[in-house]
Amino acid sequence: MNNKDVEKVSRYVLFFFLLLVILFVIMLRLCGIFVVRGDSMLPSYHSGNVLKTEMTEDISRGDVVVFFHKGKVYIKRVVGIPGDELEIRDGALYVNDVKDMYFVDIENGGNISDSPLLLSDGEYYCMGDNFNESRDCRDLGPISYSELRGVVTNILW
């Protein structure tokens, strides 16, 4: 083999490798595979966990969802669904004036600490399980259904 043949084969190998990488990334997104980054979902999910999601129209309080907001991926627990009224008072989350027994000792009430927030149709409110170390809807505001990428169904890794 001469240098031109080696160069030609190298280009084909590089092209094929890049094509595989691009296809792999596209398939991950289409198949709903996401990787947890950070500690905001401890103790339920750890940084590095690989999660499988499925898109559904039936989003319930307590579901863990993946959503995109301003170009960033978030993995959080749904605490409010359309029609819910949310408020953080005395360090606890209240949904429809009922105290949530998990979300207590909250240090940062964010956008629902001053007055109750009523979710409109198609709006969801999500918080990290490690809520005092989480950037979530308290900072971002409610998310819309169109921002959701799926409900977590399995931990693959």
C-alpha atoms as a PDB file:
ATOM      1  CA  MET A   1       0.000   0.000   0.000  1.00  0.00           C
ATOM      2  CA  ASN A   2       1.305   3.418  -0.871  1.00  0.00           C
ATOM      3  CA  ASN A   3       0.815   6.635   1.119  1.00  0.00           C
ATOM      4  CA  LYS A   4      -2.238   7.708  -0.911  1.00  0.00           C
ATOM      5  CA  ASP A   5      -4.012   4.438  -0.185  1.00  0.00           C
ATOM      6  CA  VAL A   6      -3.217   4.663   3.544  1.00  0.00           C
ATOM      7  CA  GLU A   7      -4.462   8.246   3.607  1.00  0.00           C
ATOM      8  CA  LYS A   8      -7.659   7.270   1.808  1.00  0.00           C
ATOM      9  CA  VAL A   9      -8.336   4.360   4.188  1.00  0.00           C
ATOM     10  CA  SER A  10      -7.618   6.624   7.192  1.00  0.00           C
ATOM     11  CA  ARG A  11     -10.185   9.138   5.959  1.00  0.00           C
ATOM     12  CA  TYR A  12     -12.806   6.423   5.524  1.00  0.00           C
ATOM     13  CA  VAL A  13     -12.113   5.043   9.001  1.00  0.00           C
ATOM     14  CA  LEU A  14     -12.322   8.531  10.550  1.00  0.00           C
ATOM     15  CA  PHE A  15     -15.523   9.307   8.645  1.00  0.00           C
ATOM     16  CA  PHE A  16     -17.077   5.981   9.720  1.00  0.00           C
ATOM     17  CA  PHE A  17     -16.061   6.550  13.355  1.00  0.00           C
ATOM     18  CA  LEU A  18     -17.537  10.075  13.416  1.00  0.00           C
ATOM     19  CA  LEU A  19     -20.714   8.794  11.785  1.00  0.00           C
ATOM     20  CA  LEU A  20     -21.058   6.114  14.467  1.00  0.00           C
ATOM     21  CA  VAL A  21     -20.556   8.665  17.250  1.00  0.00           C
ATOM     22  CA  ILE A  22     -23.182  10.991  15.751  1.00  0.00           C
ATOM     23  CA  LEU A  23     -25.659   8.130  15.294  1.00  0.00           C
ATOM     24  CA  PHE A  24     -25.025   6.965  18.863  1.00  0.00           C
ATOM     25  CA  VAL A  25     -25.775  10.430  20.282  1.00  0.00           C
ATOM     26  CA  ILE A  26     -28.945  10.721  18.168  1.00  0.00           C
ATOM     27  CA  MET A  27     -30.118   7.257  19.247  1.00  0.00           C
ATOM     28  CA  LEU A  28     -29.531   8.111  22.908  1.00  0.00           C
ATOM     29  CA  ARG A  29     -31.847  11.105  22.573  1.00  0.00           C
ATOM     30  CA  LEU A  30     -34.464   9.289  20.501  1.00  0.00           C
ATOM     31  CA  CYS A  31     -34.491   6.298  22.843  1.00  0.00           C
ATOM     32  CA  GLY A  32     -34.733   8.484  25.928  1.00  0.00           C
ATOM     33  CA  ILE A  33     -31.415   7.652  27.598  1.00  0.00           C
ATOM     34  CA  PHE A  34     -30.022  10.296  29.959  1.00  0.00           C
ATOM     35  CA  VAL A  35     -27.116  10.447  32.392  1.00  0.00           C
ATOM     36  CA  VAL A  36     -27.479  11.981  35.867  1.00  0.00           C
ATOM     37  CA  ARG A  37     -24.984  14.797  36.452  1.00  0.00           C
ATOM     38  CA  GLY A  38     -24.630  16.177  39.957  1.00  0.00           C
ATOM     39  CA  ASP A  39     -26.148  15.411  43.337  1.00  0.00           C
ATOM     40  CA  SER A  40     -29.526  17.157  43.141  1.00  0.00           C
ATOM     41  CA  MET A  41     -31.439  13.846  43.037  1.00  0.00           C
ATOM     42  CA  LEU A  42     -29.653  12.107  45.919  1.00  0.00           C
ATOM     43  CA  PRO A  43     -30.454   9.696  47.498  1.00  0.00           C
ATOM     44  CA  SER A  44     -32.691   8.368  44.683  1.00  0.00           C
ATOM     45  CA  TYR A  45     -30.256   8.809  41.793  1.00  0.00           C
ATOM     46  CA  HIS A  46     -26.503   9.271  41.857  1.00  0.00           C
ATOM     47  CA  SER A  47     -24.227  11.188  39.510  1.00  0.00           C
ATOM     48  CA  GLY A  48     -23.350   8.857  36.655  1.00  0.00           C
ATOM     49  CA  ASN A  49     -26.565   6.815  36.762  1.00  0.00           C
ATOM     50  CA  VAL A  50     -27.914   6.113  33.273  1.00  0.00           C
ATOM     51  CA  LEU A  51     -31.690   6.483  33.107  1.00  0.00           C
ATOM     52  CA  LYS A  52     -34.235   5.215  30.577  1.00  0.00           C
ATOM     53  CA  THR A  53     -37.258   7.433  29.984  1.00  0.00           C
ATOM     54  CA  GLU A  54     -40.537   7.096  28.148  1.00  0.00           C
ATOM     55  CA  MET A  55     -42.699   9.957  26.952  1.00  0.00           C
ATOM     56  CA  THR A  56     -46.279   9.907  28.168  1.00  0.00           C
ATOM     57  CA  GLU A  57     -49.152  12.340  28.458  1.00  0.00           C
ATOM     58  CA  ASP A  58     -49.946  11.018  31.937  1.00  0.00           C
ATOM     59  CA  ILE A  59     -47.507  12.898  34.194  1.00  0.00           C
ATOM     60  CA  SER A  60     -48.249  12.402  37.888  1.00  0.00           C
ATOM     61  CA  ARG A  61     -47.069  13.972  41.102  1.00  0.00           C
ATOM     62  CA  GLY A  62     -44.084  11.929  42.306  1.00  0.00           C
ATOM     63  CA  ASP A  63     -42.859  10.967  38.827  1.00  0.00           C
ATOM     64  CA  VAL A  64     -39.209  11.662  38.078  1.00  0.00           C
ATOM     65  CA  VAL A  65     -38.936  13.433  34.740  1.00  0.00           C
ATOM     66  CA  VAL A  66     -36.282  14.687  32.368  1.00  0.00           C
ATOM     67  CA  PHE A  67     -36.831  18.113  30.865  1.00  0.00           C
ATOM     68  CA  PHE A  68     -34.926  20.649  28.792  1.00  0.00           C
ATOM     69  CA  HIS A  69     -34.969  24.262  29.911  1.00  0.00           C
ATOM     70  CA  LYS A  70     -32.989  26.940  28.084  1.00  0.00           C
ATOM     71  CA  GLY A  71     -30.675  24.362  26.531  1.00  0.00           C
ATOM     72  CA  LYS A  72     -29.916  22.486  29.750  1.00  0.00           C
ATOM     73  CA  VAL A  73     -31.092  19.006  30.796  1.00  0.00           C
ATOM     74  CA  TYR A  74     -32.700  18.580  34.219  1.00  0.00           C
ATOM     75  CA  ILE A  75     -33.769  15.413  36.051  1.00  0.00           C
ATOM     76  CA  LYS A  76     -36.260  16.232  38.835  1.00  0.00           C
ATOM     77  CA  ARG A  77     -39.301  14.949  40.715  1.00  0.00           C
ATOM     78  CA  VAL A  78     -42.754  16.325  39.822  1.00  0.00           C
ATOM     79  CA  VAL A  79     -44.310  17.956  42.884  1.00  0.00           C
ATOM     80  CA  GLY A  80     -47.009  19.948  41.109  1.00  0.00           C
ATOM     81  CA  ILE A  81     -49.291  19.220  38.149  1.00  0.00           C
ATOM     82  CA  PRO A  82     -51.734  21.476  36.262  1.00  0.00           C
ATOM     83  CA  GLY A  83     -54.307  22.953  38.633  1.00  0.00           C
ATOM     84  CA  ASP A  84     -52.186  22.498  41.774  1.00  0.00           C
ATOM     85  CA  GLU A  85     -51.496  25.354  44.145  1.00  0.00           C
ATOM     86  CA  LEU A  86     -47.965  25.258  45.601  1.00  0.00           C
ATOM     87  CA  GLU A  87     -46.429  27.128  48.473  1.00  0.00           C
ATOM     88  CA  ILE A  88     -43.422  26.785  50.743  1.00  0.00           C
ATOM     89  CA  ARG A  89     -44.138  27.994  54.243  1.00  0.00           C
ATOM     90  CA  ASP A  90     -42.366  27.295  57.495  1.00  0.00           C
ATOM     91  CA  GLY A  91     -39.750  25.364  55.487  1.00  0.00           C
ATOM     92  CA  ALA A  92     -42.217  22.817  54.073  1.00  0.00           C
ATOM     93  CA  LEU A  93     -43.852  22.295  50.697  1.00  0.00           C
ATOM     94  CA  TYR A  94     -47.632  22.541  50.633  1.00  0.00           C
ATOM     95  CA  VAL A  95     -49.562  21.204  47.640  1.00  0.00           C
ATOM     96  CA  ASN A  96     -53.215  22.265  47.565  1.00  0.00           C
ATOM     97  CA  ASP A  97     -52.806  23.340  51.212  1.00  0.00           C
ATOM     98  CA  VAL A  98     -51.647  19.828  52.277  1.00  0.00           C
ATOM     99  CA  LYS A  99     -48.160  19.512  53.758  1.00  0.00           C
ATOM    100  CA  ASP A 100     -45.841  17.217  51.787  1.00  0.00           C
ATOM    101  CA  MET A 101     -44.097  14.955  54.296  1.00  0.00           C
ATOM    102  CA  TYR A 102     -40.910  14.518  52.213  1.00  0.00           C
ATOM    103  CA  PHE A 103     -40.159  18.095  51.240  1.00  0.00           C
ATOM    104  CA  VAL A 104     -39.567  19.587  54.705  1.00  0.00           C
ATOM    105  CA  ASP A 105     -36.695  21.640  56.150  1.00  0.00           C
ATOM    106  CA  ILE A 106     -36.434  23.521  52.856  1.00  0.00           C
ATOM    107  CA  GLU A 107     -33.928  26.339  53.119  1.00  0.00           C
ATOM    108  CA  ASN A 108     -34.701  28.002  49.759  1.00  0.00           C
ATOM    109  CA  GLY A 109     -38.354  28.557  48.973  1.00  0.00           C
ATOM    110  CA  GLY A 110     -37.515  30.386  45.753  1.00  0.00           C
ATOM    111  CA  ASN A 111     -40.454  31.622  43.725  1.00  0.00           C
ATOM    112  CA  ILE A 112     -43.143  29.947  45.874  1.00  0.00           C
ATOM    113  CA  SER A 113     -42.122  31.183  49.317  1.00  0.00           C
ATOM    114  CA  ASP A 114     -43.827  34.580  49.229  1.00  0.00           C
ATOM    115  CA  SER A 115     -47.219  33.582  47.917  1.00  0.00           C
ATOM    116  CA  PRO A 116     -48.922  30.486  46.526  1.00  0.00           C
ATOM    117  CA  LEU A 117     -48.402  29.598  42.872  1.00  0.00           C
ATOM    118  CA  LEU A 118     -51.304  28.181  40.849  1.00  0.00           C
ATOM    119  CA  LEU A 119     -50.164  25.975  37.951  1.00  0.00           C
ATOM    120  CA  SER A 120     -51.928  26.550  34.638  1.00  0.00           C
ATOM    121  CA  ASP A 121     -52.862  23.913  32.061  1.00  0.00           C
ATOM    122  CA  GLY A 122     -49.712  22.249  30.739  1.00  0.00           C
ATOM    123  CA  GLU A 123     -47.508  23.525  33.602  1.00  0.00           C
ATOM    124  CA  TYR A 124     -45.526  21.336  35.983  1.00  0.00           C
ATOM    125  CA  TYR A 125     -43.415  22.089  39.027  1.00  0.00           C
ATOM    126  CA  CYS A 126     -40.385  19.928  39.757  1.00  0.00           C
ATOM    127  CA  MET A 127     -37.845  19.772  42.571  1.00  0.00           C
ATOM    128  CA  GLY A 128     -34.716  17.756  43.213  1.00  0.00           C
ATOM    129  CA  ASP A 129     -34.876  15.086  45.930  1.00  0.00           C
ATOM    130  CA  ASN A 130     -31.783  16.694  47.461  1.00  0.00           C
ATOM    131  CA  PHE A 131     -33.840  19.889  47.527  1.00  0.00           C
ATOM    132  CA  ASN A 132     -31.429  22.068  49.487  1.00  0.00           C
ATOM    133  CA  GLU A 133     -28.715  21.392  46.877  1.00  0.00           C
ATOM    134  CA  SER A 134     -30.909  21.504  43.777  1.00  0.00           C
ATOM    135  CA  ARG A 135     -31.443  24.035  41.024  1.00  0.00           C
ATOM    136  CA  ASP A 136     -35.034  23.392  40.031  1.00  0.00           C
ATOM    137  CA  CYS A 137     -38.389  25.092  39.434  1.00  0.00           C
ATOM    138  CA  ARG A 138     -37.866  27.248  42.526  1.00  0.00           C
ATOM    139  CA  ASP A 139     -35.232  29.012  40.400  1.00  0.00           C
ATOM    140  CA  LEU A 140     -36.542  28.290  36.885  1.00  0.00           C
ATOM    141  CA  GLY A 141     -40.259  28.709  37.410  1.00  0.00           C
ATOM    142  CA  PRO A 142     -42.856  26.183  36.246  1.00  0.00           C
ATOM    143  CA  ILE A 143     -42.013  24.115  33.171  1.00  0.00           C
ATOM    144  CA  SER A 144     -44.312  23.410  30.265  1.00  0.00           C
ATOM    145  CA  TYR A 145     -45.289  20.006  28.925  1.00  0.00           C
ATOM    146  CA  SER A 146     -43.358  20.800  25.732  1.00  0.00           C
ATOM    147  CA  GLU A 147     -40.117  20.942  27.761  1.00  0.00           C
ATOM    148  CA  LEU A 148     -40.581  17.389  29.101  1.00  0.00           C
ATOM    149  CA  ARG A 149     -38.534  14.610  27.507  1.00  0.00           C
ATOM    150  CA  GLY A 150     -39.945  11.697  29.455  1.00  0.00           C
ATOM    151  CA  VAL A 151     -40.675   9.984  32.738  1.00  0.00           C
ATOM    152  CA  VAL A 152     -37.851   7.901  34.197  1.00  0.00           C
ATOM    153  CA  THR A 153     -38.769   4.211  33.968  1.00  0.00           C
ATOM    154  CA  ASN A 154     -35.491   2.406  34.723  1.00  0.00           C
ATOM    155  CA  ILE A 155     -31.961   2.850  35.973  1.00  0.00           C
ATOM    156  CA  LEU A 156     -29.784   1.173  33.336  1.00  0.00           C
ATOM    157  CA  TRP A 157     -26.523   1.743  35.176  1.00  0.00           C
END
